[in-house]
Amino acid sequence: MPDVIPYVSGFSSICSAEAAVAHAATFPSRADDYGPSFRAWLEKGNAVTGMEYAEAMQRRATLVGLLRRAFEPIDVLICPPRTPTAYRITPDELYDSVPEATTDTAGRHFNMIFNLIGAPAL
């Protein structure tokens, strides 16, 4: 498996910018309808420059090639979606915040890599 860390750094630029485009009809005009964490995510997406997005997409394309070669002899890969154990969350936090444990992009979210390259994951 290649080291994916140098390539996943663009995930938040790509994902937040694309979320901002998807919500352009209602954000920021109805920003109060969004919870704080997703509102912050959309604000981040609105701030991504074209240069940042293009650089992230180039890193993504490189990662797609690396993983295509790595997985060529593999039909199915089974792994946990995250490394940390489950944590308690209150009903107030359910939609309005993202616990610190969920924001690590250095390997804690195994599914993030597959989301980034557009590969199927369950």
PDB file of N, CA and C in Angstrom:
ATOM      1  N   MET A   1       0.846  -1.175   0.000  1.00  0.00           N
ATOM      2  CA  MET A   1       0.000   0.000   0.000  1.00  0.00           C
ATOM      3  C   MET A   1       0.890   1.237   0.000  1.00  0.00           C
ATOM      4  N   PRO A   2       0.674   2.146  -0.938  1.00  0.00           N
ATOM      5  CA  PRO A   2       1.482   3.375  -0.952  1.00  0.00           C
ATOM      6  C   PRO A   2       1.101   4.290   0.209  1.00  0.00           C
ATOM      7  N   ASP A   3       2.008   5.187   0.563  1.00  0.00           N
ATOM      8  CA  ASP A   3       1.725   6.184   1.589  1.00  0.00           C
ATOM      9  C   ASP A   3       0.716   7.172   1.011  1.00  0.00           C
ATOM     10  N   VAL A   4      -0.471   7.224   1.563  1.00  0.00           N
ATOM     11  CA  VAL A   4      -1.523   8.078   1.015  1.00  0.00           C
ATOM     12  C   VAL A   4      -1.571   9.466   1.651  1.00  0.00           C
ATOM     13  N   ILE A   5      -0.871   9.639   2.752  1.00  0.00           N
ATOM     14  CA  ILE A   5      -0.955  10.901   3.499  1.00  0.00           C
ATOM     15  C   ILE A   5      -0.634  12.126   2.632  1.00  0.00           C
ATOM     16  N   PRO A   6       0.399  12.099   1.782  1.00  0.00           N
ATOM     17  CA  PRO A   6       0.651  13.298   0.976  1.00  0.00           C
ATOM     18  C   PRO A   6      -0.482  13.648   0.004  1.00  0.00           C
ATOM     19  N   TYR A   7      -1.330  12.702  -0.297  1.00  0.00           N
ATOM     20  CA  TYR A   7      -2.379  12.911  -1.295  1.00  0.00           C
ATOM     21  C   TYR A   7      -3.726  13.276  -0.688  1.00  0.00           C
ATOM     22  N   VAL A   8      -3.986  12.827   0.539  1.00  0.00           N
ATOM     23  CA  VAL A   8      -5.296  13.085   1.131  1.00  0.00           C
ATOM     24  C   VAL A   8      -5.424  14.493   1.700  1.00  0.00           C
ATOM     25  N   SER A   9      -4.343  15.246   1.706  1.00  0.00           N
ATOM     26  CA  SER A   9      -4.421  16.604   2.240  1.00  0.00           C
ATOM     27  C   SER A   9      -5.384  17.470   1.435  1.00  0.00           C
ATOM     28  N   GLY A  10      -5.640  17.113   0.211  1.00  0.00           N
ATOM     29  CA  GLY A  10      -6.569  17.882  -0.613  1.00  0.00           C
ATOM     30  C   GLY A  10      -8.021  17.502  -0.431  1.00  0.00           C
ATOM     31  N   PHE A  11      -8.285  16.467   0.377  1.00  0.00           N
ATOM     32  CA  PHE A  11      -9.658  16.002   0.558  1.00  0.00           C
ATOM     33  C   PHE A  11     -10.580  17.121   1.018  1.00  0.00           C
ATOM     34  N   SER A  12     -10.169  17.861   2.034  1.00  0.00           N
ATOM     35  CA  SER A  12     -11.065  18.891   2.573  1.00  0.00           C
ATOM     36  C   SER A  12     -11.302  20.009   1.566  1.00  0.00           C
ATOM     37  N   SER A  13     -10.289  20.339   0.756  1.00  0.00           N
ATOM     38  CA  SER A  13     -10.494  21.374  -0.274  1.00  0.00           C
ATOM     39  C   SER A  13     -11.513  20.911  -1.306  1.00  0.00           C
ATOM     40  N   ILE A  14     -11.355  19.688  -1.784  1.00  0.00           N
ATOM     41  CA  ILE A  14     -12.267  19.154  -2.800  1.00  0.00           C
ATOM     42  C   ILE A  14     -13.666  18.992  -2.230  1.00  0.00           C
ATOM     43  N   CYS A  15     -13.765  18.305  -1.115  1.00  0.00           N
ATOM     44  CA  CYS A  15     -15.069  17.974  -0.542  1.00  0.00           C
ATOM     45  C   CYS A  15     -15.831  19.220  -0.092  1.00  0.00           C
ATOM     46  N   SER A  16     -15.152  20.140   0.568  1.00  0.00           N
ATOM     47  CA  SER A  16     -15.854  21.337   1.044  1.00  0.00           C
ATOM     48  C   SER A  16     -16.266  22.240  -0.116  1.00  0.00           C
ATOM     49  N   ALA A  17     -15.410  22.366  -1.132  1.00  0.00           N
ATOM     50  CA  ALA A  17     -15.759  23.190  -2.295  1.00  0.00           C
ATOM     51  C   ALA A  17     -16.940  22.587  -3.047  1.00  0.00           C
ATOM     52  N   GLU A  18     -16.945  21.275  -3.210  1.00  0.00           N
ATOM     53  CA  GLU A  18     -18.050  20.631  -3.909  1.00  0.00           C
ATOM     54  C   GLU A  18     -19.340  20.703  -3.089  1.00  0.00           C
ATOM     55  N   ALA A  19     -19.235  20.625  -1.766  1.00  0.00           N
ATOM     56  CA  ALA A  19     -20.417  20.796  -0.914  1.00  0.00           C
ATOM     57  C   ALA A  19     -20.945  22.222  -1.032  1.00  0.00           C
ATOM     58  N   ALA A  20     -20.047  23.199  -1.098  1.00  0.00           N
ATOM     59  CA  ALA A  20     -20.470  24.595  -1.246  1.00  0.00           C
ATOM     60  C   ALA A  20     -21.210  24.797  -2.563  1.00  0.00           C
ATOM     61  N   VAL A  21     -20.748  24.169  -3.624  1.00  0.00           N
ATOM     62  CA  VAL A  21     -21.441  24.260  -4.917  1.00  0.00           C
ATOM     63  C   VAL A  21     -22.830  23.614  -4.811  1.00  0.00           C
ATOM     64  N   ALA A  22     -22.896  22.450  -4.178  1.00  0.00           N
ATOM     65  CA  ALA A  22     -24.172  21.741  -4.045  1.00  0.00           C
ATOM     66  C   ALA A  22     -25.184  22.524  -3.217  1.00  0.00           C
ATOM     67  N   HIS A  23     -24.702  23.356  -2.290  1.00  0.00           N
ATOM     68  CA  HIS A  23     -25.596  24.110  -1.416  1.00  0.00           C
ATOM     69  C   HIS A  23     -25.674  25.586  -1.785  1.00  0.00           C
ATOM     70  N   ALA A  24     -25.198  25.945  -2.955  1.00  0.00           N
ATOM     71  CA  ALA A  24     -25.142  27.352  -3.359  1.00  0.00           C
ATOM     72  C   ALA A  24     -26.515  28.024  -3.373  1.00  0.00           C
ATOM     73  N   ALA A  25     -27.569  27.277  -3.636  1.00  0.00           N
ATOM     74  CA  ALA A  25     -28.905  27.875  -3.684  1.00  0.00           C
ATOM     75  C   ALA A  25     -29.412  28.284  -2.305  1.00  0.00           C
ATOM     76  N   THR A  26     -28.881  27.675  -1.252  1.00  0.00           N
ATOM     77  CA  THR A  26     -29.380  27.965   0.097  1.00  0.00           C
ATOM     78  C   THR A  26     -28.312  28.448   1.071  1.00  0.00           C
ATOM     79  N   PHE A  27     -27.083  28.456   0.641  1.00  0.00           N
ATOM     80  CA  PHE A  27     -26.016  28.915   1.529  1.00  0.00           C
ATOM     81  C   PHE A  27     -25.144  29.919   0.797  1.00  0.00           C
ATOM     82  N   PRO A  28     -24.933  31.081   1.339  1.00  0.00           N
ATOM     83  CA  PRO A  28     -25.155  31.507   2.725  1.00  0.00           C
ATOM     84  C   PRO A  28     -26.499  32.187   2.990  1.00  0.00           C
ATOM     85  N   SER A  29     -27.380  32.277   1.996  1.00  0.00           N
ATOM     86  CA  SER A  29     -28.635  33.013   2.218  1.00  0.00           C
ATOM     87  C   SER A  29     -29.468  32.451   3.367  1.00  0.00           C
ATOM     88  N   ARG A  30     -29.379  31.151   3.625  1.00  0.00           N
ATOM     89  CA  ARG A  30     -30.119  30.529   4.734  1.00  0.00           C
ATOM     90  C   ARG A  30     -29.142  29.864   5.704  1.00  0.00           C
ATOM     91  N   ALA A  31     -28.045  30.511   5.971  1.00  0.00           N
ATOM     92  CA  ALA A  31     -26.984  29.948   6.820  1.00  0.00           C
ATOM     93  C   ALA A  31     -27.488  29.511   8.191  1.00  0.00           C
ATOM     94  N   ASP A  32     -28.473  30.210   8.728  1.00  0.00           N
ATOM     95  CA  ASP A  32     -28.990  29.854  10.058  1.00  0.00           C
ATOM     96  C   ASP A  32     -29.704  28.504  10.066  1.00  0.00           C
ATOM     97  N   ASP A  33     -30.064  27.995   8.908  1.00  0.00           N
ATOM     98  CA  ASP A  33     -30.716  26.685   8.818  1.00  0.00           C
ATOM     99  C   ASP A  33     -29.713  25.535   8.943  1.00  0.00           C
ATOM    100  N   TYR A  34     -28.431  25.846   8.905  1.00  0.00           N
ATOM    101  CA  TYR A  34     -27.381  24.835   8.984  1.00  0.00           C
ATOM    102  C   TYR A  34     -26.792  24.792  10.382  1.00  0.00           C
ATOM    103  N   GLY A  35     -26.378  23.603  10.814  1.00  0.00           N
ATOM    104  CA  GLY A  35     -25.680  23.472  12.088  1.00  0.00           C
ATOM    105  C   GLY A  35     -24.301  24.095  11.994  1.00  0.00           C
ATOM    106  N   PRO A  36     -23.702  24.439  13.138  1.00  0.00           N
ATOM    107  CA  PRO A  36     -22.398  25.120  13.139  1.00  0.00           C
ATOM    108  C   PRO A  36     -21.289  24.380  12.401  1.00  0.00           C
ATOM    109  N   SER A  37     -21.202  23.064  12.552  1.00  0.00           N
ATOM    110  CA  SER A  37     -20.084  22.353  11.923  1.00  0.00           C
ATOM    111  C   SER A  37     -20.233  22.323  10.406  1.00  0.00           C
ATOM    112  N   PHE A  38     -21.454  22.070   9.894  1.00  0.00           N
ATOM    113  CA  PHE A  38     -21.616  22.028   8.443  1.00  0.00           C
ATOM    114  C   PHE A  38     -21.563  23.430   7.850  1.00  0.00           C
ATOM    115  N   ARG A  39     -22.051  24.408   8.600  1.00  0.00           N
ATOM    116  CA  ARG A  39     -21.939  25.798   8.155  1.00  0.00           C
ATOM    117  C   ARG A  39     -20.465  26.172   8.004  1.00  0.00           C
ATOM    118  N   ALA A  40     -19.628  25.771   8.977  1.00  0.00           N
ATOM    119  CA  ALA A  40     -18.185  26.040   8.889  1.00  0.00           C
ATOM    120  C   ALA A  40     -17.572  25.318   7.700  1.00  0.00           C
ATOM    121  N   TRP A  41     -18.051  24.101   7.422  1.00  0.00           N
ATOM    122  CA  TRP A  41     -17.546  23.324   6.283  1.00  0.00           C
ATOM    123  C   TRP A  41     -17.868  24.047   4.973  1.00  0.00           C
ATOM    124  N   LEU A  42     -19.082  24.571   4.858  1.00  0.00           N
ATOM    125  CA  LEU A  42     -19.468  25.297   3.644  1.00  0.00           C
ATOM    126  C   LEU A  42     -18.706  26.611   3.517  1.00  0.00           C
ATOM    127  N   GLU A  43     -18.471  27.280   4.628  1.00  0.00           N
ATOM    128  CA  GLU A  43     -17.662  28.500   4.591  1.00  0.00           C
ATOM    129  C   GLU A  43     -16.250  28.188   4.120  1.00  0.00           C
ATOM    130  N   LYS A  44     -15.702  27.077   4.594  1.00  0.00           N
ATOM    131  CA  LYS A  44     -14.383  26.644   4.137  1.00  0.00           C
ATOM    132  C   LYS A  44     -14.413  26.392   2.633  1.00  0.00           C
ATOM    133  N   GLY A  45     -15.451  25.721   2.171  1.00  0.00           N
ATOM    134  CA  GLY A  45     -15.582  25.432   0.739  1.00  0.00           C
ATOM    135  C   GLY A  45     -15.678  26.687  -0.102  1.00  0.00           C
ATOM    136  N   ASN A  46     -16.397  27.688   0.391  1.00  0.00           N
ATOM    137  CA  ASN A  46     -16.508  28.954  -0.338  1.00  0.00           C
ATOM    138  C   ASN A  46     -15.177  29.693  -0.413  1.00  0.00           C
ATOM    139  N   ALA A  47     -14.283  29.397   0.521  1.00  0.00           N
ATOM    140  CA  ALA A  47     -12.985  30.080   0.564  1.00  0.00           C
ATOM    141  C   ALA A  47     -11.900  29.361  -0.252  1.00  0.00           C
ATOM    142  N   VAL A  48     -12.175  28.141  -0.717  1.00  0.00           N
ATOM    143  CA  VAL A  48     -11.175  27.398  -1.502  1.00  0.00           C
ATOM    144  C   VAL A  48     -10.959  28.126  -2.821  1.00  0.00           C
ATOM    145  N   THR A  49      -9.699  28.377  -3.143  1.00  0.00           N
ATOM    146  CA  THR A  49      -9.392  29.050  -4.414  1.00  0.00           C
ATOM    147  C   THR A  49      -9.355  28.035  -5.555  1.00  0.00           C
ATOM    148  N   GLY A  50      -9.438  28.536  -6.761  1.00  0.00           N
ATOM    149  CA  GLY A  50      -9.331  27.671  -7.930  1.00  0.00           C
ATOM    150  C   GLY A  50      -7.991  26.954  -7.965  1.00  0.00           C
ATOM    151  N   MET A  51      -6.936  27.652  -7.566  1.00  0.00           N
ATOM    152  CA  MET A  51      -5.603  27.060  -7.527  1.00  0.00           C
ATOM    153  C   MET A  51      -5.550  25.913  -6.520  1.00  0.00           C
ATOM    154  N   GLU A  52      -6.094  26.120  -5.326  1.00  0.00           N
ATOM    155  CA  GLU A  52      -6.111  25.062  -4.306  1.00  0.00           C
ATOM    156  C   GLU A  52      -6.897  23.852  -4.791  1.00  0.00           C
ATOM    157  N   TYR A  53      -8.047  24.111  -5.418  1.00  0.00           N
ATOM    158  CA  TYR A  53      -8.879  23.017  -5.912  1.00  0.00           C
ATOM    159  C   TYR A  53      -8.139  22.242  -7.012  1.00  0.00           C
ATOM    160  N   ALA A  54      -7.525  22.954  -7.940  1.00  0.00           N
ATOM    161  CA  ALA A  54      -6.798  22.294  -9.032  1.00  0.00           C
ATOM    162  C   ALA A  54      -5.628  21.473  -8.501  1.00  0.00           C
ATOM    163  N   GLU A  55      -4.887  22.001  -7.545  1.00  0.00           N
ATOM    164  CA  GLU A  55      -3.768  21.256  -6.961  1.00  0.00           C
ATOM    165  C   GLU A  55      -4.267  19.999  -6.253  1.00  0.00           C
ATOM    166  N   ALA A  56      -5.367  20.127  -5.517  1.00  0.00           N
ATOM    167  CA  ALA A  56      -5.937  18.970  -4.820  1.00  0.00           C
ATOM    168  C   ALA A  56      -6.402  17.917  -5.822  1.00  0.00           C
ATOM    169  N   MET A  57      -6.984  18.347  -6.929  1.00  0.00           N
ATOM    170  CA  MET A  57      -7.442  17.401  -7.952  1.00  0.00           C
ATOM    171  C   MET A  57      -6.256  16.699  -8.623  1.00  0.00           C
ATOM    172  N   GLN A  58      -5.138  17.395  -8.781  1.00  0.00           N
ATOM    173  CA  GLN A  58      -3.941  16.747  -9.328  1.00  0.00           C
ATOM    174  C   GLN A  58      -3.423  15.686  -8.372  1.00  0.00           C
ATOM    175  N   ARG A  59      -3.379  16.008  -7.067  1.00  0.00           N
ATOM    176  CA  ARG A  59      -2.957  15.006  -6.080  1.00  0.00           C
ATOM    177  C   ARG A  59      -3.920  13.825  -6.074  1.00  0.00           C
ATOM    178  N   ARG A  60      -5.197  14.112  -6.210  1.00  0.00           N
ATOM    179  CA  ARG A  60      -6.209  13.055  -6.267  1.00  0.00           C
ATOM    180  C   ARG A  60      -5.962  12.137  -7.463  1.00  0.00           C
ATOM    181  N   ALA A  61      -5.694  12.706  -8.619  1.00  0.00           N
ATOM    182  CA  ALA A  61      -5.445  11.896  -9.821  1.00  0.00           C
ATOM    183  C   ALA A  61      -4.219  11.004  -9.635  1.00  0.00           C
ATOM    184  N   THR A  62      -3.192  11.531  -9.004  1.00  0.00           N
ATOM    185  CA  THR A  62      -2.004  10.724  -8.731  1.00  0.00           C
ATOM    186  C   THR A  62      -2.349   9.575  -7.792  1.00  0.00           C
ATOM    187  N   LEU A  63      -3.124   9.866  -6.752  1.00  0.00           N
ATOM    188  CA  LEU A  63      -3.536   8.837  -5.800  1.00  0.00           C
ATOM    189  C   LEU A  63      -4.376   7.759  -6.485  1.00  0.00           C
ATOM    190  N   VAL A  64      -5.265   8.146  -7.370  1.00  0.00           N
ATOM    191  CA  VAL A  64      -6.071   7.167  -8.108  1.00  0.00           C
ATOM    192  C   VAL A  64      -5.158   6.190  -8.842  1.00  0.00           C
ATOM    193  N   GLY A  65      -4.143   6.699  -9.514  1.00  0.00           N
ATOM    194  CA  GLY A  65      -3.203   5.831 -10.233  1.00  0.00           C
ATOM    195  C   GLY A  65      -2.432   4.910  -9.306  1.00  0.00           C
ATOM    196  N   LEU A  66      -1.952   5.448  -8.195  1.00  0.00           N
ATOM    197  CA  LEU A  66      -1.204   4.635  -7.229  1.00  0.00           C
ATOM    198  C   LEU A  66      -2.056   3.510  -6.669  1.00  0.00           C
ATOM    199  N   LEU A  67      -3.283   3.841  -6.295  1.00  0.00           N
ATOM    200  CA  LEU A  67      -4.148   2.823  -5.706  1.00  0.00           C
ATOM    201  C   LEU A  67      -4.662   1.835  -6.751  1.00  0.00           C
ATOM    202  N   ARG A  68      -4.849   2.291  -7.965  1.00  0.00           N
ATOM    203  CA  ARG A  68      -5.262   1.361  -9.018  1.00  0.00           C
ATOM    204  C   ARG A  68      -4.209   0.272  -9.192  1.00  0.00           C
ATOM    205  N   ARG A  69      -2.947   0.685  -9.198  1.00  0.00           N
ATOM    206  CA  ARG A  69      -1.859  -0.304  -9.317  1.00  0.00           C
ATOM    207  C   ARG A  69      -1.778  -1.195  -8.076  1.00  0.00           C
ATOM    208  N   ALA A  70      -1.913  -0.599  -6.899  1.00  0.00           N
ATOM    209  CA  ALA A  70      -1.812  -1.366  -5.653  1.00  0.00           C
ATOM    210  C   ALA A  70      -2.928  -2.396  -5.529  1.00  0.00           C
ATOM    211  N   PHE A  71      -4.122  -2.051  -5.992  1.00  0.00           N
ATOM    212  CA  PHE A  71      -5.269  -2.936  -5.841  1.00  0.00           C
ATOM    213  C   PHE A  71      -5.528  -3.816  -7.055  1.00  0.00           C
ATOM    214  N   GLU A  72      -4.667  -3.747  -8.034  1.00  0.00           N
ATOM    215  CA  GLU A  72      -4.872  -4.557  -9.240  1.00  0.00           C
ATOM    216  C   GLU A  72      -5.103  -6.034  -8.942  1.00  0.00           C
ATOM    217  N   PRO A  73      -4.318  -6.656  -8.055  1.00  0.00           N
ATOM    218  CA  PRO A  73      -4.558  -8.082  -7.788  1.00  0.00           C
ATOM    219  C   PRO A  73      -5.606  -8.350  -6.700  1.00  0.00           C
ATOM    220  N   ILE A  74      -6.274  -7.301  -6.209  1.00  0.00           N
ATOM    221  CA  ILE A  74      -7.192  -7.444  -5.074  1.00  0.00           C
ATOM    222  C   ILE A  74      -8.626  -7.243  -5.544  1.00  0.00           C
ATOM    223  N   ASP A  75      -9.503  -8.176  -5.167  1.00  0.00           N
ATOM    224  CA  ASP A  75     -10.919  -8.046  -5.506  1.00  0.00           C
ATOM    225  C   ASP A  75     -11.702  -7.305  -4.429  1.00  0.00           C
ATOM    226  N   VAL A  76     -11.393  -7.577  -3.160  1.00  0.00           N
ATOM    227  CA  VAL A  76     -12.118  -6.969  -2.043  1.00  0.00           C
ATOM    228  C   VAL A  76     -11.120  -6.666  -0.926  1.00  0.00           C
ATOM    229  N   LEU A  77     -11.252  -5.507  -0.328  1.00  0.00           N
ATOM    230  CA  LEU A  77     -10.441  -5.128   0.823  1.00  0.00           C
ATOM    231  C   LEU A  77     -11.400  -4.882   1.974  1.00  0.00           C
ATOM    232  N   ILE A  78     -11.180  -5.563   3.075  1.00  0.00           N
ATOM    233  CA  ILE A  78     -12.028  -5.388   4.255  1.00  0.00           C
ATOM    234  C   ILE A  78     -11.194  -4.736   5.347  1.00  0.00           C
ATOM    235  N   CYS A  79     -11.674  -3.600   5.839  1.00  0.00           N
ATOM    236  CA  CYS A  79     -10.979  -2.910   6.922  1.00  0.00           C
ATOM    237  C   CYS A  79     -12.007  -2.109   7.705  1.00  0.00           C
ATOM    238  N   PRO A  80     -11.685  -1.748   8.942  1.00  0.00           N
ATOM    239  CA  PRO A  80     -12.620  -0.929   9.712  1.00  0.00           C
ATOM    240  C   PRO A  80     -12.687   0.470   9.096  1.00  0.00           C
ATOM    241  N   PRO A  81     -13.798   1.161   9.276  1.00  0.00           N
ATOM    242  CA  PRO A  81     -13.899   2.510   8.729  1.00  0.00           C
ATOM    243  C   PRO A  81     -13.078   3.543   9.492  1.00  0.00           C
ATOM    244  N   ARG A  82     -12.774   3.262  10.771  1.00  0.00           N
ATOM    245  CA  ARG A  82     -12.027   4.209  11.610  1.00  0.00           C
ATOM    246  C   ARG A  82     -11.191   3.448  12.624  1.00  0.00           C
ATOM    247  N   THR A  83     -10.175   4.110  13.165  1.00  0.00           N
ATOM    248  CA  THR A  83      -9.362   3.473  14.189  1.00  0.00           C
ATOM    249  C   THR A  83      -9.788   3.771  15.612  1.00  0.00           C
ATOM    250  N   PRO A  84     -10.317   4.963  15.924  1.00  0.00           N
ATOM    251  CA  PRO A  84     -10.682   5.187  17.324  1.00  0.00           C
ATOM    252  C   PRO A  84     -11.915   4.385  17.715  1.00  0.00           C
ATOM    253  N   THR A  85     -12.056   4.175  19.002  1.00  0.00           N
ATOM    254  CA  THR A  85     -13.251   3.487  19.494  1.00  0.00           C
ATOM    255  C   THR A  85     -14.424   4.461  19.462  1.00  0.00           C
ATOM    256  N   ALA A  86     -15.603   3.913  19.602  1.00  0.00           N
ATOM    257  CA  ALA A  86     -16.801   4.746  19.616  1.00  0.00           C
ATOM    258  C   ALA A  86     -16.738   5.726  20.783  1.00  0.00           C
ATOM    259  N   TYR A  87     -17.336   6.865  20.626  1.00  0.00           N
ATOM    260  CA  TYR A  87     -17.337   7.886  21.664  1.00  0.00           C
ATOM    261  C   TYR A  87     -18.769   8.324  21.928  1.00  0.00           C
ATOM    262  N   ARG A  88     -19.002   8.851  23.126  1.00  0.00           N
ATOM    263  CA  ARG A  88     -20.341   9.330  23.475  1.00  0.00           C
ATOM    264  C   ARG A  88     -20.600  10.669  22.787  1.00  0.00           C
ATOM    265  N   ILE A  89     -21.833  10.852  22.391  1.00  0.00           N
ATOM    266  CA  ILE A  89     -22.237  12.125  21.808  1.00  0.00           C
ATOM    267  C   ILE A  89     -23.632  12.446  22.342  1.00  0.00           C
ATOM    268  N   THR A  90     -23.832  13.696  22.710  1.00  0.00           N
ATOM    269  CA  THR A  90     -25.134  14.102  23.254  1.00  0.00           C
ATOM    270  C   THR A  90     -26.077  14.450  22.105  1.00  0.00           C
ATOM    271  N   PRO A  91     -27.378  14.435  22.350  1.00  0.00           N
ATOM    272  CA  PRO A  91     -28.324  14.826  21.293  1.00  0.00           C
ATOM    273  C   PRO A  91     -28.047  16.228  20.752  1.00  0.00           C
ATOM    274  N   ASP A  92     -27.595  17.149  21.617  1.00  0.00           N
ATOM    275  CA  ASP A  92     -27.286  18.502  21.154  1.00  0.00           C
ATOM    276  C   ASP A  92     -26.126  18.512  20.167  1.00  0.00           C
ATOM    277  N   GLU A  93     -25.194  17.589  20.326  1.00  0.00           N
ATOM    278  CA  GLU A  93     -24.028  17.529  19.446  1.00  0.00           C
ATOM    279  C   GLU A  93     -24.312  16.800  18.136  1.00  0.00           C
ATOM    280  N   LEU A  94     -25.395  16.066  18.084  1.00  0.00           N
ATOM    281  CA  LEU A  94     -25.655  15.174  16.970  1.00  0.00           C
ATOM    282  C   LEU A  94     -25.543  15.859  15.611  1.00  0.00           C
ATOM    283  N   TYR A  95     -26.127  17.035  15.461  1.00  0.00           N
ATOM    284  CA  TYR A  95     -26.087  17.703  14.165  1.00  0.00           C
ATOM    285  C   TYR A  95     -25.292  18.992  14.162  1.00  0.00           C
ATOM    286  N   ASP A  96     -24.889  19.450  15.334  1.00  0.00           N
ATOM    287  CA  ASP A  96     -24.296  20.771  15.387  1.00  0.00           C
ATOM    288  C   ASP A  96     -22.799  20.826  15.629  1.00  0.00           C
ATOM    289  N   SER A  97     -22.150  19.706  15.829  1.00  0.00           N
ATOM    290  CA  SER A  97     -20.706  19.765  16.037  1.00  0.00           C
ATOM    291  C   SER A  97     -20.066  18.479  15.565  1.00  0.00           C
ATOM    292  N   VAL A  98     -18.791  18.564  15.344  1.00  0.00           N
ATOM    293  CA  VAL A  98     -18.018  17.395  14.956  1.00  0.00           C
ATOM    294  C   VAL A  98     -16.989  17.172  16.042  1.00  0.00           C
ATOM    295  N   PRO A  99     -17.135  16.108  16.852  1.00  0.00           N
ATOM    296  CA  PRO A  99     -16.159  15.868  17.917  1.00  0.00           C
ATOM    297  C   PRO A  99     -14.745  15.807  17.359  1.00  0.00           C
ATOM    298  N   GLU A 100     -13.803  16.273  18.132  1.00  0.00           N
ATOM    299  CA  GLU A 100     -12.401  16.313  17.709  1.00  0.00           C
ATOM    300  C   GLU A 100     -11.932  14.968  17.178  1.00  0.00           C
ATOM    301  N   ALA A 101     -12.417  13.877  17.732  1.00  0.00           N
ATOM    302  CA  ALA A 101     -11.987  12.543  17.316  1.00  0.00           C
ATOM    303  C   ALA A 101     -12.342  12.234  15.871  1.00  0.00           C
ATOM    304  N   THR A 102     -13.272  12.984  15.276  1.00  0.00           N
ATOM    305  CA  THR A 102     -13.697  12.677  13.904  1.00  0.00           C
ATOM    306  C   THR A 102     -12.993  13.524  12.860  1.00  0.00           C
ATOM    307  N   THR A 103     -12.119  14.431  13.270  1.00  0.00           N
ATOM    308  CA  THR A 103     -11.553  15.373  12.315  1.00  0.00           C
ATOM    309  C   THR A 103     -10.143  15.021  11.867  1.00  0.00           C
ATOM    310  N   ASP A 104      -9.580  13.945  12.355  1.00  0.00           N
ATOM    311  CA  ASP A 104      -8.215  13.555  12.001  1.00  0.00           C
ATOM    312  C   ASP A 104      -8.176  12.996  10.588  1.00  0.00           C
ATOM    313  N   THR A 105      -7.318  13.555   9.735  1.00  0.00           N
ATOM    314  CA  THR A 105      -7.201  13.061   8.358  1.00  0.00           C
ATOM    315  C   THR A 105      -5.940  12.236   8.154  1.00  0.00           C
ATOM    316  N   ALA A 106      -5.242  11.905   9.212  1.00  0.00           N
ATOM    317  CA  ALA A 106      -3.976  11.177   9.084  1.00  0.00           C
ATOM    318  C   ALA A 106      -4.158   9.672   9.209  1.00  0.00           C
ATOM    319  N   GLY A 107      -5.229   9.134   8.705  1.00  0.00           N
ATOM    320  CA  GLY A 107      -5.382   7.693   8.684  1.00  0.00           C
ATOM    321  C   GLY A 107      -6.488   7.139   9.541  1.00  0.00           C
ATOM    322  N   ARG A 108      -7.131   7.975  10.336  1.00  0.00           N
ATOM    323  CA  ARG A 108      -8.199   7.471  11.193  1.00  0.00           C
ATOM    324  C   ARG A 108      -9.459   7.132  10.394  1.00  0.00           C
ATOM    325  N   HIS A 109      -9.653   7.776   9.278  1.00  0.00           N
ATOM    326  CA  HIS A 109     -10.816   7.512   8.429  1.00  0.00           C
ATOM    327  C   HIS A 109     -10.362   6.707   7.222  1.00  0.00           C
ATOM    328  N   PHE A 110     -10.436   5.409   7.311  1.00  0.00           N
ATOM    329  CA  PHE A 110     -10.000   4.582   6.185  1.00  0.00           C
ATOM    330  C   PHE A 110     -10.880   4.806   4.967  1.00  0.00           C
ATOM    331  N   ASN A 111     -12.161   5.114   5.179  1.00  0.00           N
ATOM    332  CA  ASN A 111     -13.056   5.298   4.049  1.00  0.00           C
ATOM    333  C   ASN A 111     -12.821   6.614   3.314  1.00  0.00           C
ATOM    334  N   MET A 112     -12.163   7.597   3.940  1.00  0.00           N
ATOM    335  CA  MET A 112     -11.909   8.867   3.287  1.00  0.00           C
ATOM    336  C   MET A 112     -11.109   8.674   2.000  1.00  0.00           C
ATOM    337  N   ILE A 113     -10.157   7.791   2.015  1.00  0.00           N
ATOM    338  CA  ILE A 113      -9.331   7.544   0.830  1.00  0.00           C
ATOM    339  C   ILE A 113     -10.209   7.077  -0.324  1.00  0.00           C
ATOM    340  N   PHE A 114     -11.125   6.179  -0.040  1.00  0.00           N
ATOM    341  CA  PHE A 114     -11.981   5.645  -1.093  1.00  0.00           C
ATOM    342  C   PHE A 114     -13.004   6.678  -1.550  1.00  0.00           C
ATOM    343  N   ASN A 115     -13.497   7.508  -0.634  1.00  0.00           N
ATOM    344  CA  ASN A 115     -14.362   8.614  -1.030  1.00  0.00           C
ATOM    345  C   ASN A 115     -13.612   9.560  -1.957  1.00  0.00           C
ATOM    346  N   LEU A 116     -12.373   9.844  -1.631  1.00  0.00           N
ATOM    347  CA  LEU A 116     -11.565  10.768  -2.419  1.00  0.00           C
ATOM    348  C   LEU A 116     -11.354  10.268  -3.838  1.00  0.00           C
ATOM    349  N   ILE A 117     -11.111   8.979  -4.011  1.00  0.00           N
ATOM    350  CA  ILE A 117     -10.819   8.474  -5.365  1.00  0.00           C
ATOM    351  C   ILE A 117     -12.071   7.978  -6.098  1.00  0.00           C
ATOM    352  N   GLY A 118     -13.219   8.036  -5.447  1.00  0.00           N
ATOM    353  CA  GLY A 118     -14.454   7.626  -6.106  1.00  0.00           C
ATOM    354  C   GLY A 118     -14.639   6.132  -6.192  1.00  0.00           C
ATOM    355  N   ALA A 119     -13.997   5.387  -5.299  1.00  0.00           N
ATOM    356  CA  ALA A 119     -14.115   3.924  -5.293  1.00  0.00           C
ATOM    357  C   ALA A 119     -15.286   3.517  -4.413  1.00  0.00           C
ATOM    358  N   PRO A 120     -15.942   2.416  -4.730  1.00  0.00           N
ATOM    359  CA  PRO A 120     -17.047   1.961  -3.881  1.00  0.00           C
ATOM    360  C   PRO A 120     -16.538   1.518  -2.511  1.00  0.00           C
ATOM    361  N   ALA A 121     -17.284   1.840  -1.487  1.00  0.00           N
ATOM    362  CA  ALA A 121     -16.946   1.433  -0.117  1.00  0.00           C
ATOM    363  C   ALA A 121     -18.235   1.241   0.652  1.00  0.00           C
ATOM    364  N   LEU A 122     -18.265   0.229   1.475  1.00  0.00           N
ATOM    365  CA  LEU A 122     -19.420  -0.031   2.336  1.00  0.00           C
ATOM    366  C   LEU A 122     -18.999   0.081   3.780  1.00  0.00           C
TER     367      LEU A 122
END
